[in-house]
Amino acid sequence: MTKEIPSINIKLFGILRERMKSNNLAIPLKDNSILLKDLKKYLIELYPELNGYDVDFVFAVNRAIANEDITISPRDEIALIPPISGG
């Protein structure tokens, strides 16, 4: 019997969707949970195009902007939200 590797599905919006040419990412995890700040580092390692002076993002967890010091699991709904401007 093989052990299923946990993964987190991440929804992308705005310029992040355009840059990644996708609506979402499936990120495999080593454990069943991860700190958001560690997930951010991992994402930038996997996708260097997310790291740049012209692109920044915040996390939304279960539809609320989240502090990067929280722990998430594959059960959580995760989204990357780019800066929003308007007037």
N, C-alpha and C. Protein backbone atom coordinates (compact mmCIF):
# COMPACT_ATOMS: atom_id res chain seq x y z
N MET A 1 0.84 -1.17 0.00
CA MET A 1 0.00 0.00 0.00
C MET A 1 0.89 1.24 0.00
N THR A 2 0.61 2.19 -0.91
CA THR A 2 1.40 3.40 -0.99
C THR A 2 0.71 4.52 -0.22
N LYS A 3 1.53 5.35 0.38
CA LYS A 3 1.02 6.48 1.14
C LYS A 3 0.75 7.64 0.19
N GLU A 4 -0.43 8.23 0.29
CA GLU A 4 -0.78 9.36 -0.56
C GLU A 4 -0.05 10.61 -0.07
N ILE A 5 0.56 11.33 -0.99
CA ILE A 5 1.27 12.56 -0.65
C ILE A 5 0.26 13.68 -0.51
N PRO A 6 0.24 14.37 0.65
CA PRO A 6 -0.70 15.47 0.81
C PRO A 6 -0.32 16.63 -0.11
N SER A 7 -1.32 17.36 -0.57
CA SER A 7 -1.06 18.54 -1.38
C SER A 7 -2.06 19.63 -1.03
N ILE A 8 -1.65 20.85 -1.34
CA ILE A 8 -2.50 22.01 -1.12
C ILE A 8 -2.84 22.60 -2.48
N ASN A 9 -4.10 22.86 -2.72
CA ASN A 9 -4.54 23.52 -3.93
C ASN A 9 -4.65 25.01 -3.66
N ILE A 10 -4.04 25.79 -4.53
CA ILE A 10 -3.98 27.24 -4.34
C ILE A 10 -4.62 27.92 -5.54
N LYS A 11 -5.61 28.76 -5.29
CA LYS A 11 -6.26 29.53 -6.35
C LYS A 11 -5.44 30.78 -6.62
N LEU A 12 -5.36 31.14 -7.90
CA LEU A 12 -4.60 32.33 -8.31
C LEU A 12 -5.55 33.37 -8.89
N PHE A 13 -5.22 34.64 -8.66
CA PHE A 13 -6.05 35.73 -9.16
C PHE A 13 -5.18 36.80 -9.82
N GLY A 14 -5.80 37.60 -10.68
CA GLY A 14 -5.17 38.77 -11.29
C GLY A 14 -3.88 38.47 -12.01
N ILE A 15 -2.88 39.32 -11.76
CA ILE A 15 -1.59 39.19 -12.44
C ILE A 15 -0.91 37.85 -12.13
N LEU A 16 -1.21 37.30 -10.96
CA LEU A 16 -0.61 35.99 -10.61
C LEU A 16 -1.14 34.91 -11.54
N ARG A 17 -2.42 34.96 -11.85
CA ARG A 17 -3.02 34.00 -12.79
C ARG A 17 -2.39 34.17 -14.16
N GLU A 18 -2.22 35.41 -14.58
CA GLU A 18 -1.62 35.68 -15.89
C GLU A 18 -0.17 35.20 -15.94
N ARG A 19 0.58 35.53 -14.92
CA ARG A 19 1.99 35.17 -14.90
C ARG A 19 2.19 33.65 -14.87
N MET A 20 1.35 32.95 -14.11
CA MET A 20 1.49 31.50 -13.98
C MET A 20 0.76 30.74 -15.09
N LYS A 21 -0.04 31.46 -15.89
CA LYS A 21 -0.82 30.84 -16.98
C LYS A 21 -1.68 29.69 -16.47
N SER A 22 -2.28 29.92 -15.29
CA SER A 22 -3.11 28.90 -14.67
C SER A 22 -4.05 29.55 -13.67
N ASN A 23 -5.15 28.89 -13.39
CA ASN A 23 -6.09 29.36 -12.37
C ASN A 23 -5.73 28.87 -10.98
N ASN A 24 -4.93 27.79 -10.92
CA ASN A 24 -4.57 27.24 -9.62
C ASN A 24 -3.29 26.43 -9.69
N LEU A 25 -2.74 26.15 -8.52
CA LEU A 25 -1.54 25.33 -8.39
C LEU A 25 -1.83 24.22 -7.39
N ALA A 26 -1.28 23.05 -7.63
CA ALA A 26 -1.35 21.94 -6.67
C ALA A 26 0.07 21.74 -6.15
N ILE A 27 0.28 22.00 -4.86
CA ILE A 27 1.60 21.96 -4.26
C ILE A 27 1.72 20.76 -3.33
N PRO A 28 2.61 19.80 -3.64
CA PRO A 28 2.80 18.66 -2.74
C PRO A 28 3.49 19.09 -1.46
N LEU A 29 3.10 18.47 -0.36
CA LEU A 29 3.66 18.78 0.95
C LEU A 29 4.39 17.57 1.52
N LYS A 30 5.37 17.83 2.36
CA LYS A 30 6.07 16.74 3.05
C LYS A 30 5.25 16.26 4.24
N ASP A 31 4.48 17.17 4.84
CA ASP A 31 3.67 16.86 6.01
C ASP A 31 2.22 17.23 5.72
N ASN A 32 1.36 17.02 6.70
CA ASN A 32 -0.06 17.35 6.53
C ASN A 32 -0.38 18.80 6.85
N SER A 33 0.64 19.58 7.22
CA SER A 33 0.41 21.00 7.49
C SER A 33 1.70 21.77 7.22
N ILE A 34 1.55 23.10 7.08
CA ILE A 34 2.70 23.97 6.82
C ILE A 34 2.34 25.39 7.25
N LEU A 35 3.32 26.13 7.72
CA LEU A 35 3.12 27.54 8.02
C LEU A 35 3.02 28.30 6.70
N LEU A 36 2.17 29.31 6.65
CA LEU A 36 2.04 30.09 5.42
C LEU A 36 3.36 30.71 4.99
N LYS A 37 4.16 31.20 5.93
CA LYS A 37 5.44 31.81 5.55
C LYS A 37 6.38 30.78 4.93
N ASP A 38 6.30 29.52 5.37
CA ASP A 38 7.11 28.46 4.76
C ASP A 38 6.55 28.08 3.39
N LEU A 39 5.24 28.11 3.26
CA LEU A 39 4.63 27.85 1.96
C LEU A 39 5.04 28.91 0.96
N LYS A 40 5.10 30.17 1.40
CA LYS A 40 5.51 31.26 0.50
C LYS A 40 6.94 31.03 0.01
N LYS A 41 7.86 30.67 0.91
CA LYS A 41 9.24 30.38 0.51
C LYS A 41 9.29 29.23 -0.48
N TYR A 42 8.52 28.17 -0.19
CA TYR A 42 8.47 26.99 -1.05
C TYR A 42 7.92 27.36 -2.43
N LEU A 43 6.87 28.16 -2.47
CA LEU A 43 6.29 28.59 -3.76
C LEU A 43 7.30 29.36 -4.59
N ILE A 44 8.05 30.25 -3.95
CA ILE A 44 9.03 31.06 -4.67
C ILE A 44 10.18 30.19 -5.17
N GLU A 45 10.53 29.15 -4.42
CA GLU A 45 11.55 28.20 -4.90
C GLU A 45 11.04 27.44 -6.13
N LEU A 46 9.79 26.98 -6.06
CA LEU A 46 9.21 26.23 -7.17
C LEU A 46 8.90 27.10 -8.38
N TYR A 47 8.47 28.33 -8.13
CA TYR A 47 8.03 29.25 -9.18
C TYR A 47 8.71 30.60 -9.00
N PRO A 48 9.96 30.75 -9.46
CA PRO A 48 10.69 32.00 -9.27
C PRO A 48 9.96 33.21 -9.85
N GLU A 49 9.08 33.00 -10.82
CA GLU A 49 8.33 34.10 -11.41
C GLU A 49 7.38 34.78 -10.41
N LEU A 50 7.14 34.13 -9.27
CA LEU A 50 6.32 34.75 -8.22
C LEU A 50 7.12 35.74 -7.39
N ASN A 51 8.43 35.73 -7.54
CA ASN A 51 9.29 36.62 -6.76
C ASN A 51 9.81 37.72 -7.68
N GLY A 52 9.41 38.93 -7.40
CA GLY A 52 9.87 40.03 -8.23
C GLY A 52 9.39 41.35 -7.68
N TYR A 53 10.05 42.39 -8.12
CA TYR A 53 9.69 43.71 -7.61
C TYR A 53 8.30 44.13 -8.07
N ASP A 54 7.81 43.57 -9.16
CA ASP A 54 6.51 43.99 -9.69
C ASP A 54 5.35 43.09 -9.26
N VAL A 55 5.64 42.02 -8.53
CA VAL A 55 4.58 41.11 -8.11
C VAL A 55 4.72 40.87 -6.61
N ASP A 56 3.63 41.07 -5.92
CA ASP A 56 3.57 40.76 -4.50
C ASP A 56 2.20 40.13 -4.28
N PHE A 57 2.03 39.46 -3.19
CA PHE A 57 0.74 38.83 -2.93
C PHE A 57 0.55 38.61 -1.45
N VAL A 58 -0.70 38.44 -1.08
CA VAL A 58 -1.06 38.02 0.27
C VAL A 58 -1.83 36.72 0.14
N PHE A 59 -1.91 36.01 1.24
CA PHE A 59 -2.67 34.77 1.27
C PHE A 59 -4.07 35.04 1.81
N ALA A 60 -5.02 34.36 1.22
CA ALA A 60 -6.35 34.26 1.80
C ALA A 60 -6.54 32.79 2.18
N VAL A 61 -6.98 32.56 3.39
CA VAL A 61 -7.23 31.20 3.88
C VAL A 61 -8.70 31.14 4.26
N ASN A 62 -9.40 30.22 3.62
CA ASN A 62 -10.83 30.07 3.86
C ASN A 62 -11.56 31.41 3.70
N ARG A 63 -11.17 32.12 2.63
CA ARG A 63 -11.80 33.37 2.18
C ARG A 63 -11.55 34.58 3.07
N ALA A 64 -10.49 34.55 3.88
CA ALA A 64 -10.12 35.70 4.71
C ALA A 64 -8.61 35.92 4.59
N ILE A 65 -8.20 37.19 4.47
CA ILE A 65 -6.78 37.50 4.42
C ILE A 65 -6.13 36.95 5.69
N ALA A 66 -4.98 36.28 5.51
CA ALA A 66 -4.37 35.57 6.63
C ALA A 66 -2.96 36.06 6.92
N ASN A 67 -2.60 36.00 8.17
CA ASN A 67 -1.25 36.27 8.65
C ASN A 67 -0.38 35.08 8.25
N GLU A 68 0.86 35.34 7.84
CA GLU A 68 1.75 34.26 7.39
C GLU A 68 2.25 33.37 8.51
N ASP A 69 1.90 33.66 9.76
CA ASP A 69 2.33 32.84 10.88
C ASP A 69 1.32 31.75 11.25
N ILE A 70 0.28 31.57 10.44
CA ILE A 70 -0.69 30.52 10.75
C ILE A 70 -0.33 29.23 10.02
N THR A 71 -0.80 28.14 10.55
CA THR A 71 -0.59 26.82 9.95
C THR A 71 -1.80 26.44 9.13
N ILE A 72 -1.55 25.91 7.95
CA ILE A 72 -2.63 25.47 7.07
C ILE A 72 -2.47 24.00 6.76
N SER A 73 -3.55 23.40 6.27
CA SER A 73 -3.54 21.99 5.89
C SER A 73 -4.24 21.85 4.54
N PRO A 74 -4.17 20.66 3.93
CA PRO A 74 -4.84 20.46 2.65
C PRO A 74 -6.35 20.70 2.69
N ARG A 75 -6.96 20.69 3.86
CA ARG A 75 -8.40 20.94 3.97
C ARG A 75 -8.75 22.41 3.77
N ASP A 76 -7.78 23.30 3.96
CA ASP A 76 -8.04 24.73 3.86
C ASP A 76 -8.13 25.18 2.41
N GLU A 77 -8.94 26.21 2.18
CA GLU A 77 -9.03 26.84 0.87
C GLU A 77 -8.02 27.99 0.84
N ILE A 78 -7.04 27.90 -0.05
CA ILE A 78 -5.96 28.88 -0.11
C ILE A 78 -6.03 29.64 -1.43
N ALA A 79 -5.80 30.94 -1.36
CA ALA A 79 -5.74 31.77 -2.56
C ALA A 79 -4.58 32.74 -2.43
N LEU A 80 -3.97 33.07 -3.57
CA LEU A 80 -2.96 34.11 -3.62
C LEU A 80 -3.64 35.34 -4.21
N ILE A 81 -3.59 36.43 -3.46
CA ILE A 81 -4.26 37.66 -3.87
C ILE A 81 -3.20 38.72 -4.18
N PRO A 82 -3.17 39.22 -5.42
CA PRO A 82 -2.24 40.29 -5.75
C PRO A 82 -2.72 41.62 -5.20
N PRO A 83 -1.86 42.65 -5.23
CA PRO A 83 -2.31 43.97 -4.80
C PRO A 83 -3.51 44.42 -5.63
N ILE A 84 -4.41 45.11 -4.98
CA ILE A 84 -5.61 45.59 -5.66
C ILE A 84 -5.57 47.12 -5.60
N SER A 85 -5.77 47.73 -6.75
CA SER A 85 -5.80 49.19 -6.75
C SER A 85 -7.10 49.65 -7.37
N GLY A 86 -7.43 50.84 -7.10
CA GLY A 86 -8.66 51.40 -7.65
C GLY A 86 -8.95 52.74 -7.01
N GLY A 87 -10.00 53.32 -7.45
CA GLY A 87 -10.27 54.63 -6.91
C GLY A 87 -11.66 54.91 -6.67
